[in-house]
Amino acid sequence: MPAEDLDDRTFKVCSTCKKPIFFEGAYYRCSVSTCNRARVAYYFCSVPCWDAHVPEQRHRDAWAEQAQAPSRATYLAELAKEESTTGAAEAAPARRVVSPPKPEGEVPEDVLVVVSKLKAYIKARSGMSTSDGVIEVLSDHLRRISDQAIENATAANRKTVMDRDFQGILKR
């Protein structure tokens, strides 16, 4: 809630019943970490309001934690600090991918497939056994298509390889 929308006494409003939670007053939070993130942040004026939230979120094991609201001055100081740090991040220039690829010597040559799963799949699908030589050939193939996907992600100016980076490769 922006600072200009607060009256002099209200810290937050209850996420369930929308009653005010006052500065320096007690309120309840959910024990589940995803309910306490900055973008979500649920606040409850009472345990029954917290209890109404539990079935909606489908928590398996949760409890209400009592917390103390900050003073108005402390809260406004925190808001100002957050705004100053987010303002600096917004002014930053667009990110560019500049890291060079690692040399071949530093790249691990481990097996990239779960051997038991592959063998079980082939056995269930066809009743055939699988040679141990297949694993190395398949791992080499996965390395080659992964390298091509890395090139596609780099060309798109991303630092994350996504499923779409493999799609064109796998259709060949």
Protein backbone atom coordinates (compact mmCIF):
# COMPACT_ATOMS: atom_id res chain seq x y z
CA MET A 1 0.00 0.00 0.00
CA PRO A 2 1.56 3.35 -1.00
CA ALA A 3 2.33 5.82 1.77
CA GLU A 4 -0.14 8.39 0.43
CA ASP A 5 -3.04 5.89 0.80
CA LEU A 6 -2.39 5.43 4.54
CA ASP A 7 -4.09 7.42 7.22
CA ASP A 8 -2.02 8.39 10.26
CA ARG A 9 -2.84 5.21 12.17
CA THR A 10 -3.16 2.40 9.58
CA PHE A 11 -0.17 0.16 8.82
CA LYS A 12 -1.94 -2.31 6.50
CA VAL A 13 -5.42 -3.76 6.05
CA CYS A 14 -6.37 -7.35 6.81
CA SER A 15 -6.04 -9.54 3.73
CA THR A 16 -9.30 -11.30 4.58
CA CYS A 17 -11.76 -8.85 6.16
CA LYS A 18 -10.07 -5.56 5.13
CA LYS A 19 -10.13 -4.11 8.65
CA PRO A 20 -7.22 -1.76 9.43
CA ILE A 21 -4.11 -3.02 11.17
CA PHE A 22 -2.67 -0.14 13.16
CA PHE A 23 0.94 0.98 13.50
CA GLU A 24 2.68 -0.59 16.52
CA GLY A 25 -0.25 -3.01 16.88
CA ALA A 26 -0.32 -6.78 16.78
CA TYR A 27 -1.19 -8.63 13.59
CA TYR A 28 -0.79 -12.17 12.28
CA ARG A 29 1.24 -13.57 9.42
CA CYS A 30 1.12 -16.97 7.77
CA SER A 31 4.02 -19.30 8.63
CA VAL A 32 4.36 -20.35 4.98
CA SER A 33 7.20 -18.41 3.32
CA THR A 34 5.36 -17.87 0.02
CA CYS A 35 2.67 -15.93 1.87
CA ASN A 36 5.26 -13.48 3.24
CA ARG A 37 7.04 -12.43 0.06
CA ALA A 38 7.15 -8.76 -0.84
CA ARG A 39 4.77 -9.13 -3.81
CA VAL A 40 2.19 -11.21 -1.95
CA ALA A 41 2.53 -10.31 1.75
CA TYR A 42 -0.63 -11.36 3.54
CA TYR A 43 -1.54 -9.55 6.77
CA PHE A 44 -4.31 -10.70 9.14
CA CYS A 45 -6.01 -8.85 11.97
CA SER A 46 -6.93 -12.06 13.83
CA VAL A 47 -6.41 -15.81 13.86
CA PRO A 48 -9.92 -16.45 12.40
CA CYS A 49 -9.01 -14.23 9.41
CA TRP A 50 -5.78 -16.17 8.95
CA ASP A 51 -7.76 -19.41 9.28
CA ALA A 52 -10.04 -18.33 6.41
CA HIS A 53 -6.97 -17.91 4.20
CA VAL A 54 -5.63 -21.46 4.73
CA PRO A 55 -8.15 -23.40 2.54
CA GLU A 56 -7.69 -20.94 -0.34
CA GLN A 57 -3.92 -21.42 -0.33
CA ARG A 58 -4.11 -25.20 0.27
CA HIS A 59 -1.43 -25.20 2.94
CA ARG A 60 -0.55 -28.62 4.31
CA ASP A 61 1.13 -27.48 7.50
CA ALA A 62 0.77 -23.85 8.52
CA TRP A 63 0.14 -21.71 11.56
CA ALA A 64 -0.49 -18.08 12.39
CA GLU A 65 2.51 -16.13 13.68
CA GLN A 66 1.89 -13.03 15.73
CA ALA A 67 3.94 -10.00 14.69
CA GLN A 68 4.28 -6.39 15.75
CA ALA A 69 3.62 -3.62 13.22
CA PRO A 70 6.37 -0.98 13.01
CA SER A 71 5.91 2.63 13.95
CA ARG A 72 4.75 4.97 11.20
CA ALA A 73 8.13 6.71 11.05
CA THR A 74 10.00 3.40 10.72
CA TYR A 75 7.61 2.18 8.03
CA LEU A 76 7.87 5.37 5.97
CA ALA A 77 11.68 5.26 6.25
CA GLU A 78 11.66 1.67 4.92
CA LEU A 79 9.39 2.69 2.04
CA ALA A 80 11.69 5.57 1.12
CA LYS A 81 14.71 3.26 1.20
CA GLU A 82 12.96 0.72 -1.06
CA GLU A 83 11.93 3.43 -3.54
CA SER A 84 15.48 4.79 -3.71
CA THR A 85 16.94 1.33 -4.44
CA THR A 86 14.30 0.43 -7.05
CA GLY A 87 14.71 3.80 -8.73
CA ALA A 88 18.41 3.12 -9.23
CA ALA A 89 17.66 -0.30 -10.71
CA GLU A 90 15.20 1.15 -13.21
CA ALA A 91 17.77 3.66 -14.44
CA ALA A 92 20.33 0.93 -15.16
CA PRO A 93 21.04 0.27 -18.84
CA ALA A 94 19.77 -2.87 -20.55
CA ARG A 95 21.73 -6.01 -19.78
CA ARG A 96 24.10 -7.39 -22.39
CA VAL A 97 25.55 -10.88 -22.56
CA VAL A 98 29.31 -10.45 -22.69
CA SER A 99 30.72 -13.54 -20.99
CA PRO A 100 32.76 -15.66 -23.38
CA PRO A 101 32.09 -19.39 -23.56
CA LYS A 102 34.25 -21.61 -21.37
CA PRO A 103 37.12 -23.38 -23.09
CA GLU A 104 36.57 -27.02 -23.98
CA GLY A 105 39.04 -28.18 -21.29
CA GLU A 106 36.86 -26.82 -18.46
CA VAL A 107 33.60 -28.42 -19.62
CA PRO A 108 32.82 -31.70 -17.81
CA GLU A 109 32.42 -34.79 -19.95
CA ASP A 110 30.07 -36.60 -17.56
CA VAL A 111 27.22 -38.88 -18.58
CA LEU A 112 24.17 -36.68 -19.24
CA VAL A 113 21.44 -39.31 -19.10
CA VAL A 114 20.07 -41.45 -16.31
CA VAL A 115 21.29 -44.83 -17.51
CA SER A 116 18.84 -46.91 -15.49
CA LYS A 117 15.88 -44.86 -16.74
CA LEU A 118 17.00 -45.13 -20.37
CA LYS A 119 17.53 -48.88 -20.11
CA ALA A 120 14.16 -49.34 -18.39
CA TYR A 121 12.42 -47.30 -21.11
CA ILE A 122 13.97 -49.30 -23.95
CA LYS A 123 13.19 -52.59 -22.19
CA ALA A 124 9.55 -51.59 -21.55
CA ARG A 125 9.05 -50.20 -25.05
CA SER A 126 10.67 -52.99 -27.03
CA GLY A 127 11.83 -55.78 -24.73
CA MET A 128 15.41 -55.13 -25.89
CA SER A 129 18.54 -54.69 -23.80
CA THR A 130 20.75 -51.59 -24.08
CA SER A 131 24.51 -51.64 -24.70
CA ASP A 132 26.70 -49.50 -22.45
CA GLY A 133 28.16 -47.84 -25.57
CA VAL A 134 24.81 -46.15 -26.21
CA ILE A 135 25.19 -43.95 -23.14
CA GLU A 136 28.34 -42.16 -24.35
CA VAL A 137 26.91 -41.64 -27.86
CA LEU A 138 23.70 -40.21 -26.43
CA SER A 139 25.59 -37.93 -24.00
CA ASP A 140 27.71 -36.59 -26.90
CA HIS A 141 24.53 -35.91 -28.89
CA LEU A 142 22.99 -34.05 -25.94
CA ARG A 143 26.15 -31.94 -25.61
CA ARG A 144 26.01 -30.98 -29.31
CA ILE A 145 22.35 -29.93 -29.24
CA SER A 146 22.88 -28.14 -25.91
CA ASP A 147 25.76 -26.17 -27.46
CA GLN A 148 23.48 -25.14 -30.33
CA ALA A 149 20.75 -24.11 -27.86
CA ILE A 150 23.33 -22.04 -25.95
CA GLU A 151 24.21 -20.27 -29.20
CA ASN A 152 20.50 -19.58 -29.85
CA ALA A 153 20.06 -18.10 -26.35
CA THR A 154 23.20 -15.96 -26.76
CA ALA A 155 21.97 -14.70 -30.13
CA ALA A 156 18.70 -13.70 -28.44
CA ASN A 157 20.73 -11.76 -25.81
CA ARG A 158 19.64 -14.04 -22.96
CA LYS A 159 21.55 -15.74 -20.17
CA THR A 160 18.94 -18.49 -19.85
CA VAL A 161 18.59 -21.42 -22.23
CA MET A 162 14.89 -22.04 -22.81
CA ASP A 163 12.83 -24.75 -24.46
CA ARG A 164 12.40 -22.61 -27.56
CA ASP A 165 16.17 -22.67 -28.08
CA PHE A 166 15.94 -26.44 -28.66
CA GLN A 167 12.83 -26.46 -30.88
CA GLY A 168 14.52 -25.59 -34.15
CA ILE A 169 17.36 -28.01 -33.45
CA LEU A 170 15.12 -30.97 -32.69
CA LYS A 171 13.05 -30.51 -35.89
CA ARG A 172 16.12 -31.05 -38.11
